[in-house]
């Protein structure tokens, strides 16, 4: 075996090397009395902070160009308290449509009705009581069934129920905001993935019909997209069997697994942006169930580069 000879190593000038971090990208210290705009501008143009600035700039440009901004999300943004912020963006005309999974409407409904949501899964699942809240199951399922009979989608049916009903905290409801502001809210479910599907009030036929209407509406919205599709968190919709342990594991959709969605190019030949913010749930990070890493990406659809 030959002895390692470091004198044979070839080096190069540091100035000639491509580098990912530059001095002009560093953050600036906060100044007393500075505005939030000053703080935002002071963030480093590196990694997550740069992504945040890029997302904000892309959304602003989309609305200036009178193009839609679609937001798709699961329940976690609701559970970490972002509902008022999202509703404000809907009121301001920044978010032009909202897409939720089944968990999203469940937590939105519970907050609107009693001002609290998110049960202790680890505790309740062992007792057999997980997901068995009467109001959540019966009221949502009855709204979906009644709505299906009237030709409504899940988003329309539940949104109208919350908006018109005796819900003390409806001002914090995304579904009610959609109904009140005439902003499309679509709901995308799979049979058996949500707690309300275990209730005796569940009607699979009605749920399928109403979900199909939401899907078709979503397709129509995407056809007119051409600009921003933003996905907050890993909306857990698909389930797969974990054969070795005979358990059901949740499969989060990652940016690499998503077929990019785009509409027709604009007058400059540019297609839409896709924004993915894939976030670990807000519960106990030590719990392995349904938890993934954090990733943020923004890119033009078709580029195949999510950052």
C-alpha atoms as a PDB file:
ATOM      1  CA  UNK A   1       0.000   0.000   0.000  1.00  0.00           C
ATOM      2  CA  UNK A   2       1.405   3.379  -1.012  1.00  0.00           C
ATOM      3  CA  UNK A   3       1.806   6.047   1.639  1.00  0.00           C
ATOM      4  CA  UNK A   4      -0.537   9.019   1.314  1.00  0.00           C
ATOM      5  CA  UNK A   5       1.364  12.004  -0.135  1.00  0.00           C
ATOM      6  CA  UNK A   6      -0.493  15.294   0.484  1.00  0.00           C
ATOM      7  CA  UNK A   7       1.990  17.203  -1.678  1.00  0.00           C
ATOM      8  CA  UNK A   8       0.309  15.705  -4.761  1.00  0.00           C
ATOM      9  CA  UNK A   9      -3.060  17.346  -3.968  1.00  0.00           C
ATOM     10  CA  UNK A  10      -4.096  19.975  -6.503  1.00  0.00           C
ATOM     11  CA  UNK A  11      -5.594  23.143  -5.108  1.00  0.00           C
ATOM     12  CA  UNK A  12      -7.175  26.170  -6.707  1.00  0.00           C
ATOM     13  CA  UNK A  13      -7.749  29.811  -5.819  1.00  0.00           C
ATOM     14  CA  UNK A  14     -10.674  30.474  -3.483  1.00  0.00           C
ATOM     15  CA  UNK A  15     -11.622  33.395  -5.769  1.00  0.00           C
ATOM     16  CA  UNK A  16     -12.181  30.991  -8.679  1.00  0.00           C
ATOM     17  CA  UNK A  17     -14.506  28.684  -6.749  1.00  0.00           C
ATOM     18  CA  UNK A  18     -18.286  28.868  -7.155  1.00  0.00           C
ATOM     19  CA  UNK A  19     -19.845  29.659  -3.742  1.00  0.00           C
ATOM     20  CA  UNK A  20     -23.421  29.495  -2.475  1.00  0.00           C
ATOM     21  CA  UNK A  21     -23.229  32.332   0.073  1.00  0.00           C
ATOM     22  CA  UNK A  22     -22.169  35.903  -0.740  1.00  0.00           C
ATOM     23  CA  UNK A  23     -21.537  38.880   1.529  1.00  0.00           C
ATOM     24  CA  UNK A  24     -24.379  40.888   0.000  1.00  0.00           C
ATOM     25  CA  UNK A  25     -26.867  38.133   0.935  1.00  0.00           C
ATOM     26  CA  UNK A  26     -26.319  38.340   4.695  1.00  0.00           C
ATOM     27  CA  UNK A  27     -28.969  39.563   7.127  1.00  0.00           C
ATOM     28  CA  UNK A  28     -29.066  43.050   8.586  1.00  0.00           C
ATOM     29  CA  UNK A  29     -29.518  43.666  12.348  1.00  0.00           C
ATOM     30  CA  UNK A  30     -32.909  44.868  13.516  1.00  0.00           C
ATOM     31  CA  UNK A  31     -33.092  48.595  14.239  1.00  0.00           C
ATOM     32  CA  UNK A  32     -35.210  49.942  17.076  1.00  0.00           C
ATOM     33  CA  UNK A  33     -38.392  51.470  15.698  1.00  0.00           C
ATOM     34  CA  UNK A  34     -38.035  49.649  12.387  1.00  0.00           C
ATOM     35  CA  UNK A  35     -41.150  48.481  10.548  1.00  0.00           C
ATOM     36  CA  UNK A  36     -42.082  44.922   9.634  1.00  0.00           C
ATOM     37  CA  UNK A  37     -41.213  45.799   6.036  1.00  0.00           C
ATOM     38  CA  UNK A  38     -37.723  46.746   7.238  1.00  0.00           C
ATOM     39  CA  UNK A  39     -37.450  43.469   9.139  1.00  0.00           C
ATOM     40  CA  UNK A  40     -38.589  41.436   6.140  1.00  0.00           C
ATOM     41  CA  UNK A  41     -36.090  43.186   3.868  1.00  0.00           C
ATOM     42  CA  UNK A  42     -33.338  42.561   6.424  1.00  0.00           C
ATOM     43  CA  UNK A  43     -33.689  38.778   6.246  1.00  0.00           C
ATOM     44  CA  UNK A  44     -30.816  36.960   4.518  1.00  0.00           C
ATOM     45  CA  UNK A  45     -31.238  36.074   0.855  1.00  0.00           C
ATOM     46  CA  UNK A  46     -30.292  32.494   1.669  1.00  0.00           C
ATOM     47  CA  UNK A  47     -32.289  29.247   1.875  1.00  0.00           C
ATOM     48  CA  UNK A  48     -35.665  29.555   3.673  1.00  0.00           C
ATOM     49  CA  UNK A  49     -35.602  33.357   3.953  1.00  0.00           C
ATOM     50  CA  UNK A  50     -34.863  33.671   0.249  1.00  0.00           C
ATOM     51  CA  UNK A  51     -37.656  31.203  -0.526  1.00  0.00           C
ATOM     52  CA  UNK A  52     -40.049  33.271   1.580  1.00  0.00           C
ATOM     53  CA  UNK A  53     -39.142  36.447  -0.308  1.00  0.00           C
ATOM     54  CA  UNK A  54     -39.478  34.657  -3.646  1.00  0.00           C
ATOM     55  CA  UNK A  55     -42.911  33.321  -2.703  1.00  0.00           C
ATOM     56  CA  UNK A  56     -44.120  36.741  -1.571  1.00  0.00           C
ATOM     57  CA  UNK A  57     -42.835  38.401  -4.751  1.00  0.00           C
ATOM     58  CA  UNK A  58     -44.422  35.744  -6.983  1.00  0.00           C
ATOM     59  CA  UNK A  59     -47.807  36.056  -5.248  1.00  0.00           C
ATOM     60  CA  UNK A  60     -47.765  39.861  -5.469  1.00  0.00           C
ATOM     61  CA  UNK A  61     -46.864  39.765  -9.167  1.00  0.00           C
ATOM     62  CA  UNK A  62     -49.604  37.217  -9.855  1.00  0.00           C
ATOM     63  CA  UNK A  63     -52.298  39.425  -8.386  1.00  0.00           C
ATOM     64  CA  UNK A  64     -50.931  42.524 -10.110  1.00  0.00           C
ATOM     65  CA  UNK A  65     -51.294  40.591 -13.352  1.00  0.00           C
ATOM     66  CA  UNK A  66     -54.846  39.657 -12.290  1.00  0.00           C
ATOM     67  CA  UNK A  67     -53.949  35.978 -12.229  1.00  0.00           C
ATOM     68  CA  UNK A  68     -55.301  33.533  -9.610  1.00  0.00           C
ATOM     69  CA  UNK A  69     -53.454  32.325  -6.523  1.00  0.00           C
ATOM     70  CA  UNK A  70     -54.627  28.887  -5.358  1.00  0.00           C
ATOM     71  CA  UNK A  71     -53.852  27.649  -1.861  1.00  0.00           C
ATOM     72  CA  UNK A  72     -53.970  23.923  -1.102  1.00  0.00           C
ATOM     73  CA  UNK A  73     -53.466  22.679   2.454  1.00  0.00           C
ATOM     74  CA  UNK A  74     -54.212  20.007   5.004  1.00  0.00           C
ATOM     75  CA  UNK A  75     -55.210  20.602   8.611  1.00  0.00           C
ATOM     76  CA  UNK A  76     -51.871  21.659  10.110  1.00  0.00           C
ATOM     77  CA  UNK A  77     -52.060  25.359   9.164  1.00  0.00           C
ATOM     78  CA  UNK A  78     -55.399  25.429  11.016  1.00  0.00           C
ATOM     79  CA  UNK A  79     -53.957  23.593  14.033  1.00  0.00           C
ATOM     80  CA  UNK A  80     -51.020  26.008  14.337  1.00  0.00           C
ATOM     81  CA  UNK A  81     -53.356  29.016  14.373  1.00  0.00           C
ATOM     82  CA  UNK A  82     -52.957  30.435  10.858  1.00  0.00           C
ATOM     83  CA  UNK A  83     -56.680  30.575  10.033  1.00  0.00           C
ATOM     84  CA  UNK A  84     -57.073  34.345  10.695  1.00  0.00           C
ATOM     85  CA  UNK A  85     -54.099  35.096   8.448  1.00  0.00           C
ATOM     86  CA  UNK A  86     -55.458  32.954   5.616  1.00  0.00           C
ATOM     87  CA  UNK A  87     -58.934  34.503   5.950  1.00  0.00           C
ATOM     88  CA  UNK A  88     -57.355  37.966   5.788  1.00  0.00           C
ATOM     89  CA  UNK A  89     -55.591  37.000   2.557  1.00  0.00           C
ATOM     90  CA  UNK A  90     -58.939  35.803   1.190  1.00  0.00           C
ATOM     91  CA  UNK A  91     -60.606  39.094   2.165  1.00  0.00           C
ATOM     92  CA  UNK A  92     -57.839  41.087   0.484  1.00  0.00           C
ATOM     93  CA  UNK A  93     -58.298  39.132  -2.724  1.00  0.00           C
ATOM     94  CA  UNK A  94     -54.819  37.612  -2.572  1.00  0.00           C
ATOM     95  CA  UNK A  95     -55.927  33.987  -2.191  1.00  0.00           C
ATOM     96  CA  UNK A  96     -58.493  33.329  -4.919  1.00  0.00           C
ATOM     97  CA  UNK A  97     -59.351  29.717  -4.090  1.00  0.00           C
ATOM     98  CA  UNK A  98     -58.721  27.239  -1.296  1.00  0.00           C
ATOM     99  CA  UNK A  99     -58.419  23.441  -1.391  1.00  0.00           C
ATOM    100  CA  UNK A 100     -58.589  21.318   1.765  1.00  0.00           C
ATOM    101  CA  UNK A 101     -58.476  17.667   2.687  1.00  0.00           C
ATOM    102  CA  UNK A 102     -61.021  16.015   4.985  1.00  0.00           C
ATOM    103  CA  UNK A 103     -59.045  16.763   8.132  1.00  0.00           C
ATOM    104  CA  UNK A 104     -59.071  20.433   7.181  1.00  0.00           C
ATOM    105  CA  UNK A 105     -62.855  20.718   7.232  1.00  0.00           C
ATOM    106  CA  UNK A 106     -63.056  18.751  10.482  1.00  0.00           C
ATOM    107  CA  UNK A 107     -60.737  21.090  12.387  1.00  0.00           C
ATOM    108  CA  UNK A 108     -62.257  24.165  10.741  1.00  0.00           C
ATOM    109  CA  UNK A 109     -65.756  23.001  11.755  1.00  0.00           C
ATOM    110  CA  UNK A 110     -64.768  22.265  15.356  1.00  0.00           C
ATOM    111  CA  UNK A 111     -63.078  25.638  15.832  1.00  0.00           C
ATOM    112  CA  UNK A 112     -66.127  27.427  14.440  1.00  0.00           C
ATOM    113  CA  UNK A 113     -68.533  25.477  16.654  1.00  0.00           C
ATOM    114  CA  UNK A 114     -66.800  25.339  20.050  1.00  0.00           C
ATOM    115  CA  UNK A 115     -63.609  27.378  19.645  1.00  0.00           C
ATOM    116  CA  UNK A 116     -61.252  24.424  20.089  1.00  0.00           C
ATOM    117  CA  UNK A 117     -60.034  21.382  18.144  1.00  0.00           C
ATOM    118  CA  UNK A 118     -57.348  18.678  17.859  1.00  0.00           C
ATOM    119  CA  UNK A 119     -57.814  15.798  20.295  1.00  0.00           C
ATOM    120  CA  UNK A 120     -55.030  13.804  21.934  1.00  0.00           C
ATOM    121  CA  UNK A 121     -54.655  11.002  19.388  1.00  0.00           C
ATOM    122  CA  UNK A 122     -52.270   8.864  21.462  1.00  0.00           C
ATOM    123  CA  UNK A 123     -54.651   8.888  24.402  1.00  0.00           C
ATOM    124  CA  UNK A 124     -57.980   8.534  22.625  1.00  0.00           C
ATOM    125  CA  UNK A 125     -56.976   5.925  20.072  1.00  0.00           C
ATOM    126  CA  UNK A 126     -56.108   3.471  22.855  1.00  0.00           C
ATOM    127  CA  UNK A 127     -59.460   3.983  24.552  1.00  0.00           C
ATOM    128  CA  UNK A 128     -61.361   3.528  21.309  1.00  0.00           C
ATOM    129  CA  UNK A 129     -62.865   7.010  21.549  1.00  0.00           C
ATOM    130  CA  UNK A 130     -60.693   8.648  18.884  1.00  0.00           C
ATOM    131  CA  UNK A 131     -62.776  10.586  16.391  1.00  0.00           C
ATOM    132  CA  UNK A 132     -66.090   9.827  18.060  1.00  0.00           C
ATOM    133  CA  UNK A 133     -67.250  13.404  18.800  1.00  0.00           C
ATOM    134  CA  UNK A 134     -70.982  13.344  17.991  1.00  0.00           C
ATOM    135  CA  UNK A 135     -71.317  16.879  16.615  1.00  0.00           C
ATOM    136  CA  UNK A 136     -68.338  16.554  14.291  1.00  0.00           C
ATOM    137  CA  UNK A 137     -69.564  13.355  12.705  1.00  0.00           C
ATOM    138  CA  UNK A 138     -73.289  13.961  12.504  1.00  0.00           C
ATOM    139  CA  UNK A 139     -73.291  17.636  11.531  1.00  0.00           C
ATOM    140  CA  UNK A 140     -70.655  17.394   8.803  1.00  0.00           C
ATOM    141  CA  UNK A 141     -72.051  14.145   7.387  1.00  0.00           C
ATOM    142  CA  UNK A 142     -75.610  15.483   7.403  1.00  0.00           C
ATOM    143  CA  UNK A 143     -74.475  18.669   5.672  1.00  0.00           C
ATOM    144  CA  UNK A 144     -72.656  16.665   2.990  1.00  0.00           C
ATOM    145  CA  UNK A 145     -75.666  14.393   2.424  1.00  0.00           C
ATOM    146  CA  UNK A 146     -78.118  17.284   2.240  1.00  0.00           C
ATOM    147  CA  UNK A 147     -75.753  19.232   0.020  1.00  0.00           C
ATOM    148  CA  UNK A 148     -75.282  16.313  -2.359  1.00  0.00           C
ATOM    149  CA  UNK A 149     -79.059  16.122  -2.794  1.00  0.00           C
ATOM    150  CA  UNK A 150     -79.027  19.814  -3.766  1.00  0.00           C
ATOM    151  CA  UNK A 151     -76.160  19.378  -6.227  1.00  0.00           C
ATOM    152  CA  UNK A 152     -73.544  20.957  -3.948  1.00  0.00           C
ATOM    153  CA  UNK A 153     -69.931  19.960  -3.353  1.00  0.00           C
ATOM    154  CA  UNK A 154     -68.486  19.190   0.092  1.00  0.00           C
ATOM    155  CA  UNK A 155     -66.856  22.614   0.311  1.00  0.00           C
ATOM    156  CA  UNK A 156     -70.083  24.378  -0.620  1.00  0.00           C
ATOM    157  CA  UNK A 157     -72.300  22.281   1.652  1.00  0.00           C
ATOM    158  CA  UNK A 158     -70.202  22.539   4.815  1.00  0.00           C
ATOM    159  CA  UNK A 159     -69.287  26.158   4.118  1.00  0.00           C
ATOM    160  CA  UNK A 160     -72.924  27.182   3.818  1.00  0.00           C
ATOM    161  CA  UNK A 161     -73.826  25.272   6.973  1.00  0.00           C
ATOM    162  CA  UNK A 162     -71.180  27.041   9.048  1.00  0.00           C
ATOM    163  CA  UNK A 163     -71.863  30.455   7.494  1.00  0.00           C
ATOM    164  CA  UNK A 164     -75.643  30.277   8.035  1.00  0.00           C
ATOM    165  CA  UNK A 165     -75.701  28.273  11.259  1.00  0.00           C
ATOM    166  CA  UNK A 166     -75.290  28.962  14.966  1.00  0.00           C
ATOM    167  CA  UNK A 167     -71.508  28.831  15.074  1.00  0.00           C
ATOM    168  CA  UNK A 168     -70.117  31.283  17.669  1.00  0.00           C
ATOM    169  CA  UNK A 169     -66.676  31.371  16.066  1.00  0.00           C
ATOM    170  CA  UNK A 170     -67.627  31.320  12.392  1.00  0.00           C
ATOM    171  CA  UNK A 171     -65.493  34.409  11.818  1.00  0.00           C
ATOM    172  CA  UNK A 172     -62.487  32.080  12.242  1.00  0.00           C
ATOM    173  CA  UNK A 173     -63.778  29.523   9.730  1.00  0.00           C
ATOM    174  CA  UNK A 174     -62.132  29.144   6.332  1.00  0.00           C
ATOM    175  CA  UNK A 175     -65.214  27.374   4.989  1.00  0.00           C
ATOM    176  CA  UNK A 176     -67.535  30.139   6.169  1.00  0.00           C
ATOM    177  CA  UNK A 177     -65.195  32.754   4.732  1.00  0.00           C
ATOM    178  CA  UNK A 178     -65.345  31.040   1.366  1.00  0.00           C
ATOM    179  CA  UNK A 179     -69.154  31.022   1.462  1.00  0.00           C
ATOM    180  CA  UNK A 180     -69.326  34.627   2.631  1.00  0.00           C
ATOM    181  CA  UNK A 181     -66.773  35.956   0.122  1.00  0.00           C
ATOM    182  CA  UNK A 182     -67.845  33.703  -2.783  1.00  0.00           C
ATOM    183  CA  UNK A 183     -64.341  32.232  -2.950  1.00  0.00           C
ATOM    184  CA  UNK A 184     -64.217  28.590  -4.124  1.00  0.00           C
ATOM    185  CA  UNK A 185     -63.297  26.129  -1.377  1.00  0.00           C
ATOM    186  CA  UNK A 186     -62.846  22.575  -2.637  1.00  0.00           C
ATOM    187  CA  UNK A 187     -62.523  19.527  -0.391  1.00  0.00           C
ATOM    188  CA  UNK A 188     -60.704  16.374  -1.467  1.00  0.00           C
ATOM    189  CA  UNK A 189     -61.291  13.165   0.460  1.00  0.00           C
ATOM    190  CA  UNK A 190     -60.823   9.422   0.086  1.00  0.00           C
ATOM    191  CA  UNK A 191     -63.273   7.032   1.699  1.00  0.00           C
ATOM    192  CA  UNK A 192     -62.017   5.841   5.082  1.00  0.00           C
ATOM    193  CA  UNK A 193     -59.331   8.474   5.635  1.00  0.00           C
ATOM    194  CA  UNK A 194     -61.283  10.723   8.014  1.00  0.00           C
ATOM    195  CA  UNK A 195     -62.821  10.185  11.444  1.00  0.00           C
ATOM    196  CA  UNK A 196     -66.307  11.169  10.271  1.00  0.00           C
ATOM    197  CA  UNK A 197     -66.337   8.152   7.929  1.00  0.00           C
ATOM    198  CA  UNK A 198     -66.590   5.876  10.978  1.00  0.00           C
ATOM    199  CA  UNK A 199     -69.823   7.476  12.164  1.00  0.00           C
ATOM    200  CA  UNK A 200     -73.239   5.893  11.471  1.00  0.00           C
ATOM    201  CA  UNK A 201     -74.314   9.143   9.787  1.00  0.00           C
ATOM    202  CA  UNK A 202     -71.699   8.708   7.051  1.00  0.00           C
ATOM    203  CA  UNK A 203     -73.130   8.328   3.540  1.00  0.00           C
ATOM    204  CA  UNK A 204     -70.513   7.066   1.107  1.00  0.00           C
ATOM    205  CA  UNK A 205     -72.634   7.729  -1.963  1.00  0.00           C
ATOM    206  CA  UNK A 206     -73.307  11.338  -1.005  1.00  0.00           C
ATOM    207  CA  UNK A 207     -69.672  11.920  -0.028  1.00  0.00           C
ATOM    208  CA  UNK A 208     -68.470  10.506  -3.343  1.00  0.00           C
ATOM    209  CA  UNK A 209     -70.901  12.636  -5.354  1.00  0.00           C
ATOM    210  CA  UNK A 210     -70.023  15.824  -3.468  1.00  0.00           C
ATOM    211  CA  UNK A 211     -66.276  15.123  -3.607  1.00  0.00           C
ATOM    212  CA  UNK A 212     -66.502  14.550  -7.367  1.00  0.00           C
ATOM    213  CA  UNK A 213     -68.073  18.000  -7.747  1.00  0.00           C
ATOM    214  CA  UNK A 214     -65.195  19.509  -5.781  1.00  0.00           C
ATOM    215  CA  UNK A 215     -62.695  17.666  -7.971  1.00  0.00           C
ATOM    216  CA  UNK A 216     -64.268  18.928 -11.175  1.00  0.00           C
ATOM    217  CA  UNK A 217     -64.353  22.449  -9.785  1.00  0.00           C
ATOM    218  CA  UNK A 218     -60.686  22.121  -8.838  1.00  0.00           C
ATOM    219  CA  UNK A 219     -59.845  21.015 -12.383  1.00  0.00           C
ATOM    220  CA  UNK A 220     -61.625  24.090 -13.752  1.00  0.00           C
ATOM    221  CA  UNK A 221     -59.660  26.341 -11.400  1.00  0.00           C
ATOM    222  CA  UNK A 222     -56.360  24.729 -12.402  1.00  0.00           C
ATOM    223  CA  UNK A 223     -57.201  25.172 -16.097  1.00  0.00           C
ATOM    224  CA  UNK A 224     -57.275  28.926 -15.475  1.00  0.00           C
ATOM    225  CA  UNK A 225     -54.261  28.927 -13.162  1.00  0.00           C
ATOM    226  CA  UNK A 226     -51.199  30.042 -15.107  1.00  0.00           C
ATOM    227  CA  UNK A 227     -49.570  31.447 -12.002  1.00  0.00           C
ATOM    228  CA  UNK A 228     -49.439  30.375  -8.338  1.00  0.00           C
ATOM    229  CA  UNK A 229     -50.254  27.017  -6.782  1.00  0.00           C
ATOM    230  CA  UNK A 230     -49.205  26.966  -3.125  1.00  0.00           C
ATOM    231  CA  UNK A 231     -49.276  23.840  -0.974  1.00  0.00           C
ATOM    232  CA  UNK A 232     -48.985  24.236   2.785  1.00  0.00           C
ATOM    233  CA  UNK A 233     -47.898  21.121   4.714  1.00  0.00           C
ATOM    234  CA  UNK A 234     -48.113  17.459   3.719  1.00  0.00           C
ATOM    235  CA  UNK A 235     -51.835  17.001   3.252  1.00  0.00           C
ATOM    236  CA  UNK A 236     -52.283  13.388   4.270  1.00  0.00           C
ATOM    237  CA  UNK A 237     -54.788  11.914   1.868  1.00  0.00           C
ATOM    238  CA  UNK A 238     -53.441   8.571   0.741  1.00  0.00           C
ATOM    239  CA  UNK A 239     -52.979   5.590   3.026  1.00  0.00           C
ATOM    240  CA  UNK A 240     -50.912   2.480   2.509  1.00  0.00           C
ATOM    241  CA  UNK A 241     -50.594  -0.721   4.512  1.00  0.00           C
ATOM    242  CA  UNK A 242     -47.402  -1.255   6.489  1.00  0.00           C
ATOM    243  CA  UNK A 243     -47.326  -5.020   6.050  1.00  0.00           C
ATOM    244  CA  UNK A 244     -44.523  -5.916   8.500  1.00  0.00           C
ATOM    245  CA  UNK A 245     -46.372  -4.311  11.414  1.00  0.00           C
ATOM    246  CA  UNK A 246     -49.923  -4.753  10.066  1.00  0.00           C
ATOM    247  CA  UNK A 247     -50.557  -1.049  10.665  1.00  0.00           C
ATOM    248  CA  UNK A 248     -51.884   1.689   8.485  1.00  0.00           C
ATOM    249  CA  UNK A 249     -49.252   4.349   7.853  1.00  0.00           C
ATOM    250  CA  UNK A 250     -49.899   7.777   6.426  1.00  0.00           C
ATOM    251  CA  UNK A 251     -48.043   8.586   3.257  1.00  0.00           C
ATOM    252  CA  UNK A 252     -47.343  12.289   2.955  1.00  0.00           C
ATOM    253  CA  UNK A 253     -47.125  13.680  -0.508  1.00  0.00           C
ATOM    254  CA  UNK A 254     -43.668  15.129  -1.111  1.00  0.00           C
ATOM    255  CA  UNK A 255     -42.729  17.679  -3.771  1.00  0.00           C
ATOM    256  CA  UNK A 256     -40.855  14.985  -5.681  1.00  0.00           C
ATOM    257  CA  UNK A 257     -44.033  12.886  -5.904  1.00  0.00           C
ATOM    258  CA  UNK A 258     -46.320  15.641  -7.139  1.00  0.00           C
ATOM    259  CA  UNK A 259     -46.948  16.164 -10.824  1.00  0.00           C
ATOM    260  CA  UNK A 260     -46.564  19.877 -11.313  1.00  0.00           C
ATOM    261  CA  UNK A 261     -49.761  21.711 -12.098  1.00  0.00           C
ATOM    262  CA  UNK A 262     -49.750  24.514 -14.599  1.00  0.00           C
ATOM    263  CA  UNK A 263     -52.053  26.453 -16.847  1.00  0.00           C
ATOM    264  CA  UNK A 264     -51.421  28.075 -20.222  1.00  0.00           C
ATOM    265  CA  UNK A 265     -48.387  30.378 -20.524  1.00  0.00           C
ATOM    266  CA  UNK A 266     -48.894  34.105 -20.196  1.00  0.00           C
ATOM    267  CA  UNK A 267     -48.148  36.693 -22.872  1.00  0.00           C
ATOM    268  CA  UNK A 268     -44.432  36.366 -22.155  1.00  0.00           C
ATOM    269  CA  UNK A 269     -44.498  32.589 -22.478  1.00  0.00           C
ATOM    270  CA  UNK A 270     -44.141  32.011 -18.728  1.00  0.00           C
ATOM    271  CA  UNK A 271     -46.039  29.249 -16.977  1.00  0.00           C
ATOM    272  CA  UNK A 272     -47.199  29.175 -13.373  1.00  0.00           C
ATOM    273  CA  UNK A 273     -45.243  28.904 -10.158  1.00  0.00           C
ATOM    274  CA  UNK A 274     -45.620  25.963  -7.821  1.00  0.00           C
ATOM    275  CA  UNK A 275     -44.902  26.533  -4.155  1.00  0.00           C
ATOM    276  CA  UNK A 276     -44.462  23.631  -1.720  1.00  0.00           C
ATOM    277  CA  UNK A 277     -44.134  24.086   2.023  1.00  0.00           C
ATOM    278  CA  UNK A 278     -43.891  20.626   3.548  1.00  0.00           C
ATOM    279  CA  UNK A 279     -44.007  20.872   7.324  1.00  0.00           C
ATOM    280  CA  UNK A 280     -43.751  18.560  10.307  1.00  0.00           C
ATOM    281  CA  UNK A 281     -47.065  18.643  12.216  1.00  0.00           C
ATOM    282  CA  UNK A 282     -47.344  20.947  15.177  1.00  0.00           C
ATOM    283  CA  UNK A 283     -47.813  18.147  17.702  1.00  0.00           C
ATOM    284  CA  UNK A 284     -45.082  16.340  19.589  1.00  0.00           C
ATOM    285  CA  UNK A 285     -42.094  16.108  17.168  1.00  0.00           C
ATOM    286  CA  UNK A 286     -41.000  12.912  18.897  1.00  0.00           C
ATOM    287  CA  UNK A 287     -43.991  11.064  17.472  1.00  0.00           C
ATOM    288  CA  UNK A 288     -43.128   9.220  14.283  1.00  0.00           C
ATOM    289  CA  UNK A 289     -46.658   8.754  12.968  1.00  0.00           C
ATOM    290  CA  UNK A 290     -47.402  10.881   9.893  1.00  0.00           C
ATOM    291  CA  UNK A 291     -44.377  13.125  10.355  1.00  0.00           C
ATOM    292  CA  UNK A 292     -41.871  14.142   7.734  1.00  0.00           C
ATOM    293  CA  UNK A 293     -39.047  16.648   7.340  1.00  0.00           C
ATOM    294  CA  UNK A 294     -39.468  20.313   6.562  1.00  0.00           C
ATOM    295  CA  UNK A 295     -38.936  21.458   3.018  1.00  0.00           C
ATOM    296  CA  UNK A 296     -39.822  24.600   1.112  1.00  0.00           C
ATOM    297  CA  UNK A 297     -39.564  25.078  -2.613  1.00  0.00           C
ATOM    298  CA  UNK A 298     -40.685  27.452  -5.319  1.00  0.00           C
ATOM    299  CA  UNK A 299     -40.220  27.100  -9.025  1.00  0.00           C
ATOM    300  CA  UNK A 300     -41.945  27.541 -12.342  1.00  0.00           C
ATOM    301  CA  UNK A 301     -44.000  24.546 -13.318  1.00  0.00           C
ATOM    302  CA  UNK A 302     -42.171  22.493 -15.882  1.00  0.00           C
ATOM    303  CA  UNK A 303     -38.689  23.281 -14.609  1.00  0.00           C
ATOM    304  CA  UNK A 304     -38.581  20.175 -12.409  1.00  0.00           C
ATOM    305  CA  UNK A 305     -36.647  22.095  -9.760  1.00  0.00           C
ATOM    306  CA  UNK A 306     -38.272  22.655  -6.361  1.00  0.00           C
ATOM    307  CA  UNK A 307     -35.255  24.027  -4.540  1.00  0.00           C
END
